[in-house]
Amino acid sequence: QVQLVESGGGLVQAGGSLRLSCADSGGTFRDIGVAWFRQAPGKGREFVASITYTGDRTYYGDSAKGRFTISRDNPKHTVHLQMTSLTLEDTAIYYCGARMHLYERISSESGYDYWGQGTQVTVSS
């Protein structure tokens, strides 16, 4: 069973940084690949980044390239999303999703079977 909990969201000024975390308490962390998606008001869920269950491959959406970094900490059963150079357009609810044995780029939310409750990121001017 996969149980995801996001944390680390909050209010940050434009140009600042935040680190989001996605923790799995279900005991199968080494077998799951994890992705971050975000959803701004009135918009659909957008792929941000993903990391394979092996940790050796990472993928990014266009909005994240060069600014965000996804990583995993297996002993802590956690995936992090380090976000830098934040802009107003990064304001959204950020969700992590998981898929067993993920080893490719899947940018559609339908490709993930487990989801956290989301964490709000608000970037102010």
N, C-alpha and C. Protein backbone atom coordinates (compact mmCIF):
# COMPACT_ATOMS: atom_id res chain seq x y z
N GLN A 1 0.84 -1.19 0.00
CA GLN A 1 0.00 0.00 0.00
C GLN A 1 0.88 1.25 0.00
N VAL A 2 0.56 2.18 -0.88
CA VAL A 2 1.30 3.42 -0.99
C VAL A 2 0.47 4.54 -0.37
N GLN A 3 1.06 5.27 0.52
CA GLN A 3 0.38 6.40 1.16
C GLN A 3 1.31 7.60 1.09
N LEU A 4 0.90 8.60 0.35
CA LEU A 4 1.74 9.76 0.08
C LEU A 4 1.25 10.98 0.86
N VAL A 5 2.21 11.69 1.41
CA VAL A 5 1.90 12.93 2.12
C VAL A 5 2.89 14.00 1.66
N GLU A 6 2.36 15.09 1.12
CA GLU A 6 3.20 16.20 0.70
C GLU A 6 3.38 17.20 1.83
N SER A 7 4.50 17.91 1.79
CA SER A 7 4.76 18.98 2.75
C SER A 7 5.73 19.97 2.13
N GLY A 8 5.88 21.11 2.78
CA GLY A 8 6.87 22.09 2.34
C GLY A 8 6.31 23.27 1.58
N GLY A 9 5.02 23.25 1.29
CA GLY A 9 4.45 24.39 0.59
C GLY A 9 4.37 25.61 1.49
N GLY A 10 4.03 26.73 0.89
CA GLY A 10 3.90 27.96 1.66
C GLY A 10 3.92 29.18 0.79
N LEU A 11 4.12 30.32 1.41
CA LEU A 11 4.17 31.60 0.71
C LEU A 11 5.62 32.02 0.54
N VAL A 12 5.98 32.40 -0.68
CA VAL A 12 7.35 32.81 -0.97
C VAL A 12 7.32 33.96 -1.97
N GLN A 13 8.29 34.82 -1.87
CA GLN A 13 8.37 35.93 -2.81
C GLN A 13 8.94 35.47 -4.15
N ALA A 14 8.56 36.17 -5.18
CA ALA A 14 9.10 35.88 -6.51
C ALA A 14 10.62 35.93 -6.47
N GLY A 15 11.24 34.95 -7.12
CA GLY A 15 12.69 34.83 -7.11
C GLY A 15 13.21 33.93 -6.01
N GLY A 16 12.34 33.57 -5.09
CA GLY A 16 12.75 32.74 -3.97
C GLY A 16 12.72 31.26 -4.29
N SER A 17 12.93 30.46 -3.25
CA SER A 17 13.02 29.01 -3.39
C SER A 17 12.16 28.31 -2.35
N LEU A 18 11.76 27.10 -2.68
CA LEU A 18 11.04 26.22 -1.75
C LEU A 18 11.45 24.80 -2.04
N ARG A 19 11.40 23.96 -1.01
CA ARG A 19 11.62 22.54 -1.22
C ARG A 19 10.38 21.78 -0.75
N LEU A 20 9.77 21.09 -1.68
CA LEU A 20 8.62 20.26 -1.35
C LEU A 20 9.09 18.84 -1.08
N SER A 21 8.34 18.16 -0.23
CA SER A 21 8.65 16.77 0.09
C SER A 21 7.41 15.92 -0.09
N CYS A 22 7.64 14.69 -0.53
CA CYS A 22 6.57 13.71 -0.69
C CYS A 22 7.03 12.45 0.03
N ALA A 23 6.39 12.15 1.13
CA ALA A 23 6.78 11.00 1.94
C ALA A 23 5.79 9.86 1.76
N ASP A 24 6.34 8.65 1.68
CA ASP A 24 5.51 7.46 1.54
C ASP A 24 5.60 6.65 2.82
N SER A 25 4.46 6.45 3.46
CA SER A 25 4.45 5.70 4.71
C SER A 25 3.98 4.26 4.51
N GLY A 26 3.83 3.87 3.25
CA GLY A 26 3.27 2.56 2.98
C GLY A 26 4.23 1.40 2.97
N GLY A 27 5.53 1.67 3.01
CA GLY A 27 6.48 0.57 3.09
C GLY A 27 6.95 0.00 1.77
N THR A 28 6.53 0.58 0.64
CA THR A 28 6.94 0.06 -0.67
C THR A 28 7.72 1.09 -1.46
N PHE A 29 8.37 2.01 -0.76
CA PHE A 29 8.96 3.17 -1.41
C PHE A 29 9.97 2.80 -2.48
N ARG A 30 10.78 1.80 -2.24
CA ARG A 30 11.81 1.44 -3.21
C ARG A 30 11.24 0.93 -4.54
N ASP A 31 9.97 0.58 -4.54
CA ASP A 31 9.34 0.04 -5.75
C ASP A 31 8.54 1.08 -6.53
N ILE A 32 8.49 2.29 -6.06
CA ILE A 32 7.65 3.28 -6.72
C ILE A 32 8.47 4.40 -7.36
N GLY A 33 8.02 4.83 -8.52
CA GLY A 33 8.50 6.07 -9.10
C GLY A 33 7.50 7.15 -8.74
N VAL A 34 7.99 8.37 -8.64
CA VAL A 34 7.16 9.47 -8.14
C VAL A 34 7.22 10.65 -9.09
N ALA A 35 6.09 11.28 -9.25
CA ALA A 35 6.01 12.49 -10.07
C ALA A 35 5.37 13.61 -9.27
N TRP A 36 5.74 14.81 -9.64
CA TRP A 36 5.08 16.00 -9.12
C TRP A 36 4.23 16.61 -10.24
N PHE A 37 3.02 16.95 -9.89
CA PHE A 37 2.12 17.70 -10.76
C PHE A 37 1.68 18.94 -10.00
N ARG A 38 1.16 19.88 -10.74
CA ARG A 38 0.61 21.05 -10.08
C ARG A 38 -0.67 21.47 -10.77
N GLN A 39 -1.51 22.14 -10.01
CA GLN A 39 -2.79 22.60 -10.56
C GLN A 39 -3.06 24.01 -10.08
N ALA A 40 -3.07 24.93 -11.03
CA ALA A 40 -3.40 26.32 -10.73
C ALA A 40 -4.91 26.50 -10.81
N PRO A 41 -5.44 27.53 -10.19
CA PRO A 41 -6.89 27.77 -10.22
C PRO A 41 -7.42 27.84 -11.64
N GLY A 42 -8.45 27.06 -11.91
CA GLY A 42 -9.08 27.09 -13.22
C GLY A 42 -8.34 26.35 -14.31
N LYS A 43 -7.29 25.63 -13.94
CA LYS A 43 -6.50 24.92 -14.93
C LYS A 43 -6.41 23.43 -14.60
N GLY A 44 -5.99 22.66 -15.59
CA GLY A 44 -5.81 21.24 -15.37
C GLY A 44 -4.52 20.94 -14.66
N ARG A 45 -4.34 19.69 -14.33
CA ARG A 45 -3.13 19.27 -13.61
C ARG A 45 -1.96 19.18 -14.60
N GLU A 46 -0.86 19.83 -14.27
CA GLU A 46 0.30 19.94 -15.15
C GLU A 46 1.47 19.13 -14.62
N PHE A 47 2.10 18.37 -15.48
CA PHE A 47 3.29 17.60 -15.11
C PHE A 47 4.45 18.54 -14.82
N VAL A 48 5.11 18.30 -13.70
CA VAL A 48 6.25 19.13 -13.30
C VAL A 48 7.56 18.36 -13.41
N ALA A 49 7.61 17.19 -12.78
CA ALA A 49 8.85 16.41 -12.78
C ALA A 49 8.54 14.99 -12.30
N SER A 50 9.44 14.06 -12.64
CA SER A 50 9.30 12.71 -12.13
C SER A 50 10.67 12.08 -11.95
N ILE A 51 10.69 11.03 -11.14
CA ILE A 51 11.92 10.28 -10.90
C ILE A 51 11.55 8.80 -10.88
N THR A 52 12.39 7.99 -11.52
CA THR A 52 12.10 6.57 -11.61
C THR A 52 12.29 5.87 -10.26
N TYR A 53 11.79 4.65 -10.16
CA TYR A 53 11.90 3.95 -8.89
C TYR A 53 13.35 3.60 -8.57
N THR A 54 14.18 3.53 -9.61
CA THR A 54 15.60 3.26 -9.41
C THR A 54 16.38 4.53 -9.06
N GLY A 55 15.78 5.66 -9.31
CA GLY A 55 16.42 6.92 -8.99
C GLY A 55 17.44 7.40 -10.00
N ASP A 56 17.64 6.66 -11.09
CA ASP A 56 18.70 7.03 -12.02
C ASP A 56 18.20 7.86 -13.21
N ARG A 57 16.89 8.06 -13.28
CA ARG A 57 16.35 8.88 -14.36
C ARG A 57 15.39 9.91 -13.79
N THR A 58 15.52 11.12 -14.29
CA THR A 58 14.59 12.18 -13.91
C THR A 58 14.07 12.86 -15.17
N TYR A 59 12.87 13.36 -15.09
CA TYR A 59 12.23 14.01 -16.22
C TYR A 59 11.56 15.29 -15.73
N TYR A 60 11.51 16.28 -16.61
CA TYR A 60 10.95 17.57 -16.23
C TYR A 60 10.00 18.09 -17.29
N GLY A 61 8.97 18.78 -16.81
CA GLY A 61 8.12 19.52 -17.72
C GLY A 61 8.82 20.81 -18.13
N ASP A 62 8.32 21.42 -19.17
CA ASP A 62 8.97 22.62 -19.70
C ASP A 62 9.07 23.73 -18.66
N SER A 63 8.06 23.86 -17.84
CA SER A 63 8.06 24.94 -16.86
C SER A 63 9.10 24.73 -15.76
N ALA A 64 9.55 23.50 -15.59
CA ALA A 64 10.47 23.17 -14.50
C ALA A 64 11.94 23.10 -14.93
N LYS A 65 12.17 22.92 -16.19
CA LYS A 65 13.54 22.73 -16.66
C LYS A 65 14.44 23.90 -16.29
N GLY A 66 15.57 23.57 -15.70
CA GLY A 66 16.54 24.58 -15.33
C GLY A 66 16.28 25.28 -14.01
N ARG A 67 15.10 25.05 -13.43
CA ARG A 67 14.76 25.72 -12.16
C ARG A 67 14.45 24.75 -11.04
N PHE A 68 13.88 23.61 -11.36
CA PHE A 68 13.46 22.64 -10.35
C PHE A 68 14.34 21.40 -10.43
N THR A 69 14.52 20.75 -9.29
CA THR A 69 15.28 19.51 -9.24
C THR A 69 14.52 18.50 -8.39
N ILE A 70 14.31 17.32 -8.95
CA ILE A 70 13.65 16.25 -8.21
C ILE A 70 14.71 15.25 -7.77
N SER A 71 14.54 14.73 -6.56
CA SER A 71 15.50 13.77 -6.03
C SER A 71 14.78 12.85 -5.05
N ARG A 72 15.41 11.73 -4.73
CA ARG A 72 14.79 10.82 -3.77
C ARG A 72 15.78 10.44 -2.68
N ASP A 73 15.25 10.26 -1.50
CA ASP A 73 16.01 9.85 -0.33
C ASP A 73 15.39 8.54 0.14
N ASN A 74 15.96 7.43 -0.32
CA ASN A 74 15.35 6.14 -0.02
C ASN A 74 15.29 5.81 1.47
N PRO A 75 16.35 6.04 2.23
CA PRO A 75 16.25 5.73 3.67
C PRO A 75 15.12 6.47 4.37
N LYS A 76 14.78 7.67 3.86
CA LYS A 76 13.71 8.45 4.48
C LYS A 76 12.39 8.31 3.75
N HIS A 77 12.35 7.46 2.73
CA HIS A 77 11.12 7.21 1.97
C HIS A 77 10.50 8.52 1.47
N THR A 78 11.34 9.37 0.94
CA THR A 78 10.88 10.71 0.57
C THR A 78 11.45 11.13 -0.78
N VAL A 79 10.61 11.80 -1.54
CA VAL A 79 11.04 12.46 -2.77
C VAL A 79 10.94 13.96 -2.55
N HIS A 80 11.97 14.67 -2.98
CA HIS A 80 11.98 16.13 -2.83
C HIS A 80 11.86 16.80 -4.18
N LEU A 81 11.27 17.98 -4.16
CA LEU A 81 11.26 18.85 -5.34
C LEU A 81 11.83 20.19 -4.89
N GLN A 82 13.05 20.46 -5.30
CA GLN A 82 13.69 21.73 -4.99
C GLN A 82 13.32 22.72 -6.08
N MET A 83 12.69 23.81 -5.69
CA MET A 83 12.22 24.81 -6.66
C MET A 83 12.97 26.12 -6.42
N THR A 84 13.53 26.66 -7.47
CA THR A 84 14.25 27.93 -7.38
C THR A 84 13.71 28.91 -8.41
N SER A 85 14.10 30.17 -8.27
CA SER A 85 13.68 31.22 -9.21
C SER A 85 12.17 31.21 -9.44
N LEU A 86 11.44 31.12 -8.37
CA LEU A 86 9.99 31.01 -8.47
C LEU A 86 9.36 32.28 -9.02
N THR A 87 8.33 32.10 -9.82
CA THR A 87 7.58 33.21 -10.40
C THR A 87 6.12 33.09 -10.00
N LEU A 88 5.36 34.14 -10.29
CA LEU A 88 3.94 34.13 -9.95
C LEU A 88 3.23 32.96 -10.61
N GLU A 89 3.73 32.57 -11.79
CA GLU A 89 3.10 31.47 -12.53
C GLU A 89 3.30 30.11 -11.87
N ASP A 90 4.15 30.04 -10.89
CA ASP A 90 4.35 28.79 -10.17
C ASP A 90 3.33 28.59 -9.05
N THR A 91 2.50 29.58 -8.83
CA THR A 91 1.46 29.45 -7.81
C THR A 91 0.48 28.36 -8.19
N ALA A 92 0.31 27.38 -7.32
CA ALA A 92 -0.56 26.24 -7.61
C ALA A 92 -0.59 25.32 -6.39
N ILE A 93 -1.48 24.35 -6.46
CA ILE A 93 -1.41 23.23 -5.52
C ILE A 93 -0.52 22.18 -6.16
N TYR A 94 0.45 21.71 -5.42
CA TYR A 94 1.40 20.72 -5.92
C TYR A 94 1.06 19.35 -5.33
N TYR A 95 0.93 18.37 -6.21
CA TYR A 95 0.59 17.02 -5.83
C TYR A 95 1.71 16.06 -6.21
N CYS A 96 1.94 15.06 -5.39
CA CYS A 96 2.82 13.99 -5.83
C CYS A 96 1.98 12.76 -6.12
N GLY A 97 2.39 12.07 -7.17
CA GLY A 97 1.74 10.85 -7.59
C GLY A 97 2.77 9.73 -7.69
N ALA A 98 2.33 8.50 -7.56
CA ALA A 98 3.25 7.38 -7.60
C ALA A 98 2.73 6.26 -8.48
N ARG A 99 3.68 5.54 -9.04
CA ARG A 99 3.36 4.39 -9.89
C ARG A 99 4.40 3.33 -9.58
N MET A 100 3.96 2.10 -9.47
CA MET A 100 4.88 1.01 -9.18
C MET A 100 5.84 0.79 -10.34
N HIS A 101 7.12 0.66 -10.02
CA HIS A 101 8.17 0.35 -10.99
C HIS A 101 8.19 1.31 -12.18
N LEU A 102 7.97 2.57 -11.89
CA LEU A 102 8.05 3.58 -12.95
C LEU A 102 9.46 3.68 -13.47
N TYR A 103 9.63 3.51 -14.80
CA TYR A 103 10.98 3.59 -15.38
C TYR A 103 10.94 4.26 -16.74
N GLU A 104 10.03 5.21 -16.90
CA GLU A 104 9.94 5.98 -18.14
C GLU A 104 9.26 7.30 -17.81
N ARG A 105 9.25 8.16 -18.79
CA ARG A 105 8.60 9.45 -18.60
C ARG A 105 7.11 9.28 -18.85
N ILE A 106 6.31 9.53 -17.83
CA ILE A 106 4.86 9.54 -17.95
C ILE A 106 4.40 10.89 -17.46
N SER A 107 3.87 11.69 -18.35
CA SER A 107 3.49 13.06 -18.01
C SER A 107 1.99 13.25 -17.87
N SER A 108 1.25 12.16 -18.00
CA SER A 108 -0.20 12.24 -17.83
C SER A 108 -0.56 11.78 -16.42
N GLU A 109 -1.45 12.49 -15.78
CA GLU A 109 -1.84 12.11 -14.42
C GLU A 109 -2.50 10.75 -14.38
N SER A 110 -3.07 10.32 -15.49
CA SER A 110 -3.71 9.00 -15.52
C SER A 110 -2.70 7.86 -15.39
N GLY A 111 -1.42 8.17 -15.54
CA GLY A 111 -0.38 7.16 -15.43
C GLY A 111 0.02 6.84 -14.00
N TYR A 112 -0.58 7.52 -13.04
CA TYR A 112 -0.20 7.35 -11.64
C TYR A 112 -1.39 6.84 -10.84
N ASP A 113 -1.10 5.91 -9.96
CA ASP A 113 -2.17 5.21 -9.26
C ASP A 113 -2.42 5.73 -7.85
N TYR A 114 -1.44 6.42 -7.30
CA TYR A 114 -1.55 6.88 -5.91
C TYR A 114 -1.24 8.37 -5.87
N TRP A 115 -1.97 9.07 -5.01
CA TRP A 115 -1.82 10.52 -4.92
C TRP A 115 -1.83 10.98 -3.48
N GLY A 116 -1.10 12.06 -3.26
CA GLY A 116 -1.19 12.75 -1.98
C GLY A 116 -2.30 13.77 -2.00
N GLN A 117 -2.45 14.49 -0.91
CA GLN A 117 -3.55 15.44 -0.77
C GLN A 117 -3.21 16.81 -1.34
N GLY A 118 -1.94 17.05 -1.63
CA GLY A 118 -1.51 18.32 -2.21
C GLY A 118 -1.00 19.30 -1.17
N THR A 119 -0.14 20.19 -1.63
CA THR A 119 0.37 21.26 -0.78
C THR A 119 0.38 22.56 -1.58
N GLN A 120 -0.09 23.63 -0.96
CA GLN A 120 -0.24 24.90 -1.66
C GLN A 120 1.09 25.65 -1.72
N VAL A 121 1.41 26.13 -2.90
CA VAL A 121 2.55 27.02 -3.10
C VAL A 121 2.02 28.33 -3.64
N THR A 122 2.31 29.40 -2.95
CA THR A 122 1.88 30.72 -3.39
C THR A 122 3.10 31.62 -3.53
N VAL A 123 3.27 32.17 -4.71
CA VAL A 123 4.39 33.07 -4.98
C VAL A 123 3.84 34.48 -5.09
N SER A 124 4.40 35.37 -4.30
CA SER A 124 3.93 36.76 -4.27
C SER A 124 4.95 37.69 -4.93
N SER A 125 4.46 38.82 -5.39
CA SER A 125 5.35 39.79 -6.07
C SER A 125 6.03 40.72 -5.08
